[in-house]
N, C-alpha and C. Protein backbone atom coordinates (compact mmCIF):
# COMPACT_ATOMS: atom_id res chain seq x y z
N MET A 1 -49.44 34.57 136.70
CA MET A 1 -49.04 34.03 135.33
C MET A 1 -48.29 34.92 134.63
N GLY A 2 -48.51 36.23 134.69
CA GLY A 2 -47.73 37.25 133.96
C GLY A 2 -46.24 37.32 134.41
N LEU A 3 -46.12 37.11 135.76
CA LEU A 3 -44.70 37.34 136.26
C LEU A 3 -43.90 36.02 135.93
N LEU A 4 -44.57 34.85 135.94
CA LEU A 4 -43.82 33.69 135.56
C LEU A 4 -43.42 33.69 134.10
N ALA A 5 -44.26 34.12 133.24
CA ALA A 5 -43.92 34.27 131.72
C ALA A 5 -42.83 35.29 131.64
N TYR A 6 -42.85 36.44 132.34
CA TYR A 6 -41.89 37.41 132.14
C TYR A 6 -40.51 36.85 132.69
N LEU A 7 -40.32 36.15 133.79
CA LEU A 7 -39.23 35.61 134.24
C LEU A 7 -38.67 34.47 133.28
N GLY A 8 -39.59 33.66 132.77
CA GLY A 8 -39.25 32.67 131.81
C GLY A 8 -38.70 33.27 130.51
N ASP A 9 -39.17 34.39 130.04
CA ASP A 9 -38.65 35.11 128.90
C ASP A 9 -37.20 35.47 129.21
N ILE A 10 -36.96 36.11 130.48
CA ILE A 10 -35.61 36.58 130.83
C ILE A 10 -34.65 35.40 130.84
N TRP A 11 -35.08 34.21 131.45
CA TRP A 11 -34.22 33.10 131.49
C TRP A 11 -33.86 32.57 130.08
N GLU A 12 -34.75 32.52 129.20
CA GLU A 12 -34.56 32.13 127.83
C GLU A 12 -33.58 33.03 127.13
N ALA A 13 -33.75 34.29 127.41
CA ALA A 13 -32.81 35.34 126.71
C ALA A 13 -31.39 35.10 127.22
N VAL A 14 -31.18 34.89 128.49
CA VAL A 14 -29.90 34.66 129.03
C VAL A 14 -29.28 33.33 128.59
N ALA A 15 -30.12 32.35 128.48
CA ALA A 15 -29.70 31.01 128.02
C ALA A 15 -29.20 31.10 126.61
N THR A 16 -29.98 31.67 125.69
CA THR A 16 -29.69 31.72 124.28
C THR A 16 -28.39 32.57 124.07
N THR A 17 -28.27 33.65 124.84
CA THR A 17 -27.15 34.60 124.71
C THR A 17 -25.88 33.78 125.14
N ALA A 18 -25.94 32.99 126.28
CA ALA A 18 -24.81 32.22 126.71
C ALA A 18 -24.48 31.14 125.66
N LYS A 19 -25.39 30.53 125.10
CA LYS A 19 -25.09 29.53 124.07
C LYS A 19 -24.43 30.13 122.89
N GLY A 20 -24.85 31.28 122.43
CA GLY A 20 -24.31 31.99 121.31
C GLY A 20 -22.85 32.39 121.66
N MET A 21 -22.68 32.93 122.75
CA MET A 21 -21.31 33.29 123.23
C MET A 21 -20.38 32.21 123.33
N ARG A 22 -20.86 31.05 123.75
CA ARG A 22 -20.04 29.88 123.90
C ARG A 22 -19.43 29.42 122.46
N ILE A 23 -20.31 29.55 121.44
CA ILE A 23 -19.93 29.19 120.06
C ILE A 23 -18.89 30.20 119.61
N THR A 24 -19.18 31.51 119.88
CA THR A 24 -18.28 32.48 119.39
C THR A 24 -16.99 32.46 120.12
N ALA A 25 -16.95 32.23 121.39
CA ALA A 25 -15.77 32.20 122.20
C ALA A 25 -14.89 31.01 121.69
N GLY A 26 -15.45 29.91 121.24
CA GLY A 26 -14.78 28.86 120.68
C GLY A 26 -13.81 29.20 119.50
N TYR A 27 -14.35 30.12 118.66
CA TYR A 27 -13.54 30.62 117.51
C TYR A 27 -12.46 31.54 118.03
N GLY A 28 -12.65 32.36 118.94
CA GLY A 28 -11.68 33.31 119.44
C GLY A 28 -10.65 32.60 120.22
N VAL A 29 -10.83 31.42 120.86
CA VAL A 29 -9.78 30.91 121.66
C VAL A 29 -8.82 30.03 120.83
N ASP A 30 -9.37 29.36 119.74
CA ASP A 30 -8.49 28.48 119.02
C ASP A 30 -7.41 29.30 118.10
N PRO A 31 -6.12 29.35 118.45
CA PRO A 31 -5.24 30.21 117.77
C PRO A 31 -4.81 29.57 116.43
N ARG A 32 -5.14 28.36 116.09
CA ARG A 32 -4.70 27.78 114.79
C ARG A 32 -5.68 28.20 113.72
N GLU A 33 -6.78 28.61 114.09
CA GLU A 33 -7.82 29.01 113.07
C GLU A 33 -7.93 30.48 112.81
N THR A 34 -7.67 30.85 111.66
CA THR A 34 -7.81 32.32 111.29
C THR A 34 -9.23 32.59 110.67
N ILE A 35 -9.92 33.46 111.30
CA ILE A 35 -11.34 33.76 110.80
C ILE A 35 -11.24 35.07 110.13
N THR A 36 -10.70 36.09 110.62
CA THR A 36 -10.68 37.43 110.07
C THR A 36 -9.46 37.59 109.17
N GLN A 37 -9.75 38.25 108.05
CA GLN A 37 -8.64 38.62 107.20
C GLN A 37 -8.45 40.12 107.26
N GLU A 38 -7.25 40.52 107.28
CA GLU A 38 -6.95 41.87 107.34
C GLU A 38 -6.97 42.43 105.93
N TYR A 39 -8.26 43.00 105.60
CA TYR A 39 -8.53 43.25 104.24
C TYR A 39 -7.77 44.27 103.50
N PRO A 40 -7.47 45.49 103.95
CA PRO A 40 -6.76 46.34 103.03
C PRO A 40 -5.32 45.91 102.75
N GLU A 41 -4.67 45.21 103.78
CA GLU A 41 -3.36 44.75 103.52
C GLU A 41 -3.31 43.37 102.78
N VAL A 42 -4.25 42.45 103.15
CA VAL A 42 -4.29 41.11 102.53
C VAL A 42 -5.58 41.05 101.81
N ARG A 43 -5.38 40.93 100.48
CA ARG A 43 -6.56 40.73 99.52
C ARG A 43 -6.78 39.29 99.17
N ARG A 44 -7.89 38.82 99.16
CA ARG A 44 -8.25 37.45 98.69
C ARG A 44 -8.29 37.52 97.08
N GLU A 45 -7.61 36.57 96.45
CA GLU A 45 -7.65 36.52 94.99
C GLU A 45 -8.95 35.98 94.53
N PRO A 46 -9.68 36.61 93.62
CA PRO A 46 -11.00 36.07 93.16
C PRO A 46 -10.82 34.81 92.40
N SER A 47 -11.93 34.06 92.36
CA SER A 47 -11.81 32.70 91.67
C SER A 47 -11.75 33.01 90.18
N GLU A 48 -11.52 31.93 89.48
CA GLU A 48 -11.40 32.03 88.00
C GLU A 48 -12.57 32.55 87.35
N ARG A 49 -13.79 32.19 87.80
CA ARG A 49 -15.04 32.54 87.19
C ARG A 49 -15.68 33.77 87.83
N PHE A 50 -14.93 34.46 88.56
CA PHE A 50 -15.38 35.75 89.24
C PHE A 50 -15.74 36.76 88.18
N ARG A 51 -16.95 37.35 88.35
CA ARG A 51 -17.41 38.43 87.45
C ARG A 51 -17.11 39.79 88.08
N GLY A 52 -15.98 40.33 87.68
CA GLY A 52 -15.67 41.78 88.22
C GLY A 52 -16.15 42.78 87.20
N PHE A 53 -15.43 43.85 87.24
CA PHE A 53 -15.82 45.00 86.28
C PHE A 53 -15.60 44.55 84.87
N LEU A 54 -16.40 45.16 83.96
CA LEU A 54 -16.33 44.86 82.58
C LEU A 54 -15.16 45.65 81.93
N HIS A 55 -14.55 44.99 80.90
CA HIS A 55 -13.58 45.60 80.15
C HIS A 55 -13.77 45.39 78.61
N ASN A 56 -13.68 46.48 77.78
CA ASN A 56 -13.85 46.19 76.41
C ASN A 56 -12.59 46.46 75.69
N ASP A 57 -12.13 45.51 74.87
CA ASP A 57 -10.83 45.79 74.10
C ASP A 57 -11.39 46.38 72.89
N ILE A 58 -11.21 47.68 72.86
CA ILE A 58 -11.73 48.55 71.74
C ILE A 58 -11.09 48.13 70.34
N LEU A 59 -9.91 47.67 70.32
CA LEU A 59 -9.29 47.31 68.99
C LEU A 59 -10.08 46.01 68.40
N ARG A 60 -10.54 45.24 69.18
CA ARG A 60 -11.26 43.99 68.75
C ARG A 60 -12.76 44.26 68.49
N CYS A 61 -13.34 45.30 69.11
CA CYS A 61 -14.75 45.53 69.09
C CYS A 61 -15.22 45.95 67.72
N THR A 62 -16.33 45.41 67.26
CA THR A 62 -16.79 45.60 65.91
C THR A 62 -18.03 46.54 65.82
N SER A 63 -18.37 47.10 67.05
CA SER A 63 -19.59 48.00 67.14
C SER A 63 -20.94 47.31 66.78
N CYS A 64 -21.06 46.05 67.03
CA CYS A 64 -22.18 45.35 66.58
C CYS A 64 -23.48 45.66 67.43
N THR A 65 -23.36 46.22 68.55
CA THR A 65 -24.42 46.63 69.50
C THR A 65 -25.06 45.41 70.13
N MET A 66 -24.53 44.25 70.03
CA MET A 66 -25.11 42.99 70.64
C MET A 66 -25.06 43.14 72.17
N CYS A 67 -24.04 43.72 72.70
CA CYS A 67 -23.85 43.83 74.20
C CYS A 67 -24.99 44.87 74.72
N VAL A 68 -25.20 45.90 73.97
CA VAL A 68 -26.19 46.95 74.30
C VAL A 68 -27.61 46.29 74.36
N ARG A 69 -27.83 45.53 73.37
CA ARG A 69 -29.16 44.79 73.22
C ARG A 69 -29.28 43.75 74.22
N ALA A 70 -28.33 43.10 74.69
CA ALA A 70 -28.40 41.99 75.68
C ALA A 70 -28.55 42.44 77.06
N CYS A 71 -27.95 43.66 77.36
CA CYS A 71 -28.00 44.14 78.76
C CYS A 71 -29.41 44.44 79.24
N PRO A 72 -29.78 43.80 80.36
CA PRO A 72 -31.19 44.00 80.82
C PRO A 72 -31.48 45.28 81.53
N ILE A 73 -30.43 45.97 81.86
CA ILE A 73 -30.65 47.23 82.64
C ILE A 73 -29.99 48.50 81.98
N ASP A 74 -29.65 48.31 80.62
CA ASP A 74 -29.05 49.41 79.82
C ASP A 74 -27.96 50.16 80.45
N CYS A 75 -26.91 49.51 81.04
CA CYS A 75 -25.71 50.10 81.54
C CYS A 75 -24.70 50.30 80.61
N ILE A 76 -24.76 49.79 79.39
CA ILE A 76 -23.84 49.99 78.39
C ILE A 76 -24.34 50.90 77.28
N SER A 77 -23.57 52.01 76.92
CA SER A 77 -23.90 52.85 75.84
C SER A 77 -22.81 52.86 74.83
N LEU A 78 -23.20 52.82 73.54
CA LEU A 78 -22.29 52.74 72.43
C LEU A 78 -22.79 53.61 71.32
N GLU A 79 -21.89 54.38 70.79
CA GLU A 79 -22.20 55.13 69.52
C GLU A 79 -21.21 54.83 68.46
N SER A 80 -21.62 54.72 67.28
CA SER A 80 -20.72 54.32 66.26
C SER A 80 -21.09 55.01 64.90
N ILE A 81 -20.12 55.13 63.97
CA ILE A 81 -20.40 55.79 62.72
C ILE A 81 -19.74 55.01 61.66
N ARG A 82 -20.31 54.93 60.44
CA ARG A 82 -19.89 54.18 59.31
C ARG A 82 -18.72 54.96 58.67
N GLY A 83 -17.52 54.27 58.54
CA GLY A 83 -16.36 54.77 58.00
C GLY A 83 -16.30 54.73 56.47
N ALA A 84 -15.24 55.19 55.86
CA ALA A 84 -15.05 55.13 54.46
C ALA A 84 -14.89 53.70 53.93
N ASP A 85 -14.47 52.69 54.76
CA ASP A 85 -14.38 51.33 54.32
C ASP A 85 -15.76 50.56 54.57
N LYS A 86 -16.78 51.32 54.93
CA LYS A 86 -18.05 50.72 55.17
C LYS A 86 -18.26 49.99 56.44
N LYS A 87 -17.15 50.04 57.22
CA LYS A 87 -17.25 49.36 58.65
C LYS A 87 -17.61 50.42 59.56
N LEU A 88 -18.20 49.87 60.76
CA LEU A 88 -18.57 50.84 61.81
C LEU A 88 -17.30 51.20 62.66
N LYS A 89 -17.24 52.38 63.00
CA LYS A 89 -16.14 53.00 63.89
C LYS A 89 -16.75 53.38 65.19
N LEU A 90 -16.06 53.01 66.23
CA LEU A 90 -16.66 53.36 67.54
C LEU A 90 -16.41 54.91 67.82
N VAL A 91 -17.44 55.61 68.28
CA VAL A 91 -17.30 57.06 68.57
C VAL A 91 -17.17 57.13 70.18
N SER A 92 -18.04 56.35 70.73
CA SER A 92 -17.97 56.29 72.33
C SER A 92 -18.46 54.95 72.65
N TYR A 93 -17.84 54.52 73.82
CA TYR A 93 -18.27 53.22 74.44
C TYR A 93 -18.09 53.45 75.89
N ASP A 94 -19.25 53.45 76.67
CA ASP A 94 -19.24 53.66 78.04
C ASP A 94 -20.03 52.61 78.72
N ILE A 95 -19.57 52.20 80.05
CA ILE A 95 -20.30 51.32 80.78
C ILE A 95 -20.42 51.89 82.27
N ASN A 96 -21.69 51.98 82.69
CA ASN A 96 -22.01 52.53 83.98
C ASN A 96 -21.92 51.31 84.93
N ILE A 97 -20.82 51.12 85.65
CA ILE A 97 -20.71 50.03 86.68
C ILE A 97 -21.54 50.26 87.88
N GLY A 98 -22.06 51.50 88.11
CA GLY A 98 -22.91 51.68 89.26
C GLY A 98 -24.24 51.11 89.02
N ARG A 99 -24.67 50.86 87.76
CA ARG A 99 -25.92 50.29 87.39
C ARG A 99 -25.73 48.80 87.12
N CYS A 100 -24.57 48.39 86.71
CA CYS A 100 -24.31 46.94 86.22
C CYS A 100 -24.64 45.94 87.30
N MET A 101 -25.24 44.90 87.01
CA MET A 101 -25.58 43.88 87.95
C MET A 101 -24.59 42.60 87.71
N TYR A 102 -23.65 42.70 86.83
CA TYR A 102 -22.64 41.71 86.60
C TYR A 102 -23.24 40.41 86.22
N CYS A 103 -24.32 40.47 85.48
CA CYS A 103 -24.88 39.12 85.03
C CYS A 103 -24.16 38.35 84.00
N GLY A 104 -23.40 39.08 83.23
CA GLY A 104 -22.54 38.37 82.20
C GLY A 104 -23.21 38.15 80.85
N LEU A 105 -24.46 38.65 80.69
CA LEU A 105 -25.14 38.40 79.40
C LEU A 105 -24.34 39.11 78.26
N CYS A 106 -23.88 40.35 78.51
CA CYS A 106 -23.21 41.11 77.40
C CYS A 106 -21.94 40.37 76.97
N VAL A 107 -21.23 39.74 77.93
CA VAL A 107 -20.06 39.04 77.64
C VAL A 107 -20.40 37.78 76.85
N GLU A 108 -21.37 37.10 77.11
CA GLU A 108 -21.83 35.93 76.30
C GLU A 108 -22.06 36.21 74.95
N VAL A 109 -22.70 37.21 74.64
CA VAL A 109 -23.24 37.51 73.26
C VAL A 109 -22.23 38.26 72.36
N CYS A 110 -21.13 38.69 72.95
CA CYS A 110 -20.07 39.46 72.16
C CYS A 110 -19.49 38.58 71.13
N PRO A 111 -19.77 38.79 69.76
CA PRO A 111 -19.17 38.00 68.77
C PRO A 111 -17.53 37.99 68.73
N PRO A 112 -16.97 39.17 68.88
CA PRO A 112 -15.47 39.11 68.71
C PRO A 112 -14.84 38.78 70.06
N LYS A 113 -15.57 38.56 71.16
CA LYS A 113 -15.16 38.33 72.45
C LYS A 113 -14.16 39.55 72.93
N SER A 114 -14.64 40.78 72.66
CA SER A 114 -13.82 41.82 73.04
C SER A 114 -14.24 42.32 74.50
N LEU A 115 -15.38 41.97 74.84
CA LEU A 115 -15.97 42.29 76.19
C LEU A 115 -15.75 41.21 77.19
N THR A 116 -15.06 41.47 78.30
CA THR A 116 -14.63 40.51 79.30
C THR A 116 -14.91 40.97 80.68
N HIS A 117 -15.04 40.14 81.60
CA HIS A 117 -15.06 40.47 83.03
C HIS A 117 -13.64 40.40 83.62
N THR A 118 -13.24 41.50 84.43
CA THR A 118 -11.91 41.45 85.01
C THR A 118 -12.06 40.96 86.46
N GLY A 119 -10.86 40.96 87.06
CA GLY A 119 -10.84 40.52 88.57
C GLY A 119 -11.06 41.71 89.43
N GLY A 120 -11.29 42.91 88.92
CA GLY A 120 -11.48 44.10 89.74
C GLY A 120 -12.91 44.17 90.51
N TYR A 121 -12.81 44.59 91.74
CA TYR A 121 -13.96 44.74 92.41
C TYR A 121 -14.01 45.96 93.36
N GLU A 122 -12.93 46.73 93.36
CA GLU A 122 -12.90 47.94 94.25
C GLU A 122 -13.02 49.18 93.40
N LYS A 123 -14.08 49.88 93.63
CA LYS A 123 -14.35 51.15 92.88
C LYS A 123 -15.26 52.06 93.79
N ALA A 124 -14.82 52.39 95.01
CA ALA A 124 -15.56 53.32 95.89
C ALA A 124 -15.47 54.67 95.26
N SER A 125 -16.54 55.38 95.39
CA SER A 125 -16.48 56.84 94.87
C SER A 125 -17.52 57.62 95.55
N GLU A 126 -17.27 58.91 95.47
CA GLU A 126 -18.21 59.80 96.19
C GLU A 126 -19.25 60.42 95.12
N GLU A 127 -18.89 60.31 93.88
CA GLU A 127 -19.64 60.87 92.73
C GLU A 127 -20.13 59.77 91.84
N ARG A 128 -21.39 59.76 91.35
CA ARG A 128 -21.83 58.71 90.49
C ARG A 128 -21.16 58.79 89.12
N GLY A 129 -20.80 59.94 88.66
CA GLY A 129 -20.08 60.14 87.45
C GLY A 129 -18.82 59.40 87.33
N GLU A 130 -18.19 59.11 88.54
CA GLU A 130 -16.87 58.29 88.58
C GLU A 130 -17.05 56.82 88.39
N LEU A 131 -18.34 56.29 88.38
CA LEU A 131 -18.64 54.98 88.16
C LEU A 131 -18.86 54.65 86.73
N ILE A 132 -18.83 55.67 85.87
CA ILE A 132 -18.89 55.44 84.40
C ILE A 132 -17.59 55.21 83.81
N LEU A 133 -17.34 54.04 83.10
CA LEU A 133 -16.08 53.74 82.52
C LEU A 133 -16.17 54.13 81.08
N HIS A 134 -15.17 55.01 80.58
CA HIS A 134 -15.04 55.47 79.31
C HIS A 134 -13.85 54.77 78.70
N PHE A 135 -14.19 53.99 77.56
CA PHE A 135 -13.16 53.28 76.92
C PHE A 135 -12.50 53.96 75.77
N ILE A 136 -13.06 55.04 75.29
CA ILE A 136 -12.44 55.77 74.23
C ILE A 136 -12.01 57.16 74.74
N SER A 137 -10.66 57.36 74.67
CA SER A 137 -10.25 58.63 75.41
C SER A 137 -10.37 59.81 74.35
N GLU A 138 -10.54 59.63 73.11
CA GLU A 138 -10.62 60.77 72.18
C GLU A 138 -12.05 61.31 72.29
N ALA A 139 -12.14 62.62 72.12
CA ALA A 139 -13.55 63.27 72.18
C ALA A 139 -14.33 62.75 70.94
N PRO A 140 -15.69 62.57 71.15
CA PRO A 140 -16.61 61.99 70.10
C PRO A 140 -16.56 62.95 68.92
N GLU A 141 -16.56 64.29 69.21
CA GLU A 141 -16.68 65.20 68.07
C GLU A 141 -15.47 65.05 67.13
N GLU A 142 -14.31 64.85 67.78
CA GLU A 142 -13.09 64.65 66.91
C GLU A 142 -13.10 63.43 66.06
N ILE A 143 -13.65 62.36 66.66
CA ILE A 143 -13.81 61.11 65.90
C ILE A 143 -14.74 61.33 64.78
N ARG A 144 -15.99 61.95 65.03
CA ARG A 144 -16.89 62.07 63.95
C ARG A 144 -16.30 62.98 62.85
N ALA A 145 -15.55 64.07 63.22
CA ALA A 145 -14.94 64.91 62.20
C ALA A 145 -13.94 64.27 61.38
N ARG A 146 -13.17 63.31 62.02
CA ARG A 146 -12.12 62.59 61.28
C ARG A 146 -12.71 61.58 60.37
N VAL A 147 -13.79 60.87 60.80
CA VAL A 147 -14.33 59.80 59.93
C VAL A 147 -15.11 60.46 58.79
N THR A 148 -15.74 61.62 59.07
CA THR A 148 -16.56 62.33 57.98
C THR A 148 -15.47 62.79 56.97
N ARG A 149 -14.38 63.28 57.43
CA ARG A 149 -13.28 63.81 56.54
C ARG A 149 -12.74 62.58 55.65
N GLU A 150 -12.54 61.50 56.36
CA GLU A 150 -12.09 60.24 55.54
C GLU A 150 -13.11 59.81 54.51
N VAL A 151 -14.37 59.83 54.86
CA VAL A 151 -15.47 59.45 53.94
C VAL A 151 -15.50 60.43 52.74
N ALA A 152 -15.35 61.69 53.03
CA ALA A 152 -15.39 62.68 51.93
C ALA A 152 -14.20 62.56 51.12
N GLU A 153 -13.06 62.27 51.55
CA GLU A 153 -11.77 61.98 50.86
C GLU A 153 -11.90 60.76 49.94
N ALA A 154 -12.49 59.75 50.53
CA ALA A 154 -12.69 58.44 49.75
C ALA A 154 -13.70 58.68 48.59
N ALA A 155 -14.79 59.46 48.95
CA ALA A 155 -15.75 59.69 47.84
C ALA A 155 -15.15 60.56 46.76
N ALA A 156 -14.29 61.60 47.17
CA ALA A 156 -13.66 62.35 46.11
C ALA A 156 -12.67 61.62 45.30
N LYS A 157 -12.01 60.67 45.96
CA LYS A 157 -11.03 59.80 45.23
C LYS A 157 -11.77 58.87 44.26
N ALA A 158 -12.94 58.22 44.70
CA ALA A 158 -13.65 57.39 43.79
C ALA A 158 -14.22 58.16 42.69
N GLU A 159 -14.64 59.39 42.84
CA GLU A 159 -15.16 60.23 41.82
C GLU A 159 -14.07 60.55 40.82
N ALA A 160 -12.81 60.94 41.29
CA ALA A 160 -11.63 61.19 40.43
C ALA A 160 -11.32 59.91 39.49
N GLU A 161 -11.30 58.78 40.17
CA GLU A 161 -11.03 57.57 39.46
C GLU A 161 -12.00 57.28 38.42
N LYS A 162 -13.36 57.62 38.80
CA LYS A 162 -14.44 57.30 37.76
C LYS A 162 -14.29 58.25 36.56
N LYS A 163 -13.96 59.51 36.80
CA LYS A 163 -13.68 60.47 35.72
C LYS A 163 -12.51 60.16 34.94
N ALA A 164 -11.41 59.63 35.61
CA ALA A 164 -10.25 59.28 34.81
C ALA A 164 -10.50 58.04 33.93
N ALA A 165 -11.35 57.12 34.52
CA ALA A 165 -11.65 55.88 33.76
C ALA A 165 -12.47 56.30 32.51
N GLU A 166 -13.32 57.19 32.70
CA GLU A 166 -14.26 57.65 31.52
C GLU A 166 -13.40 58.43 30.56
N ALA A 167 -12.47 59.15 30.98
CA ALA A 167 -11.66 59.99 30.00
C ALA A 167 -10.65 58.99 29.23
N ALA A 168 -10.17 57.87 29.90
CA ALA A 168 -9.38 56.97 29.24
C ALA A 168 -10.07 55.98 28.24
N LYS A 169 -11.39 55.99 28.40
CA LYS A 169 -12.11 55.16 27.61
C LYS A 169 -12.16 55.62 26.14
N PRO A 170 -11.97 54.77 25.18
CA PRO A 170 -11.90 55.37 23.79
C PRO A 170 -13.35 55.74 23.34
N PRO A 171 -13.51 56.81 22.52
CA PRO A 171 -14.79 57.24 22.00
C PRO A 171 -15.40 56.12 21.11
N GLU A 172 -16.69 56.07 21.08
CA GLU A 172 -17.34 55.11 20.23
C GLU A 172 -17.76 55.64 18.94
């Protein structure tokens, strides 16, 4: 009984392999049908709803932190400081695409619609640090110093205007 079962298993393996090879050979013989795409030379265009790398239009971003709060894996980091006009100014905006799962929740909640998915999908790297996208090229220390200087100048100007208004006021 053991020898018959062994020979039956061999026959089944040969039969299923032949069946699989017959299906595969059918694709290889038909010259009209192209199965393989020569990837580096020929790239397939992603569909319209494809979720590629994230991109933030810094000029439209309001630093509201909605994208940071919506991200389930915390791959977005944002730092902002309040400027002289009482609006938030971006100091740094980074996205770690090595951690991103491309769910699109951050894009959905972005009020000014400055955060979008691009069609990009190629970002091979040897170092994890290369997978962090920095959207602000200026150093954070320089931005903080500039905004602090602007706030101090605005406060000094407001104080000078207040003193000028008090001096111009007629005595009672």
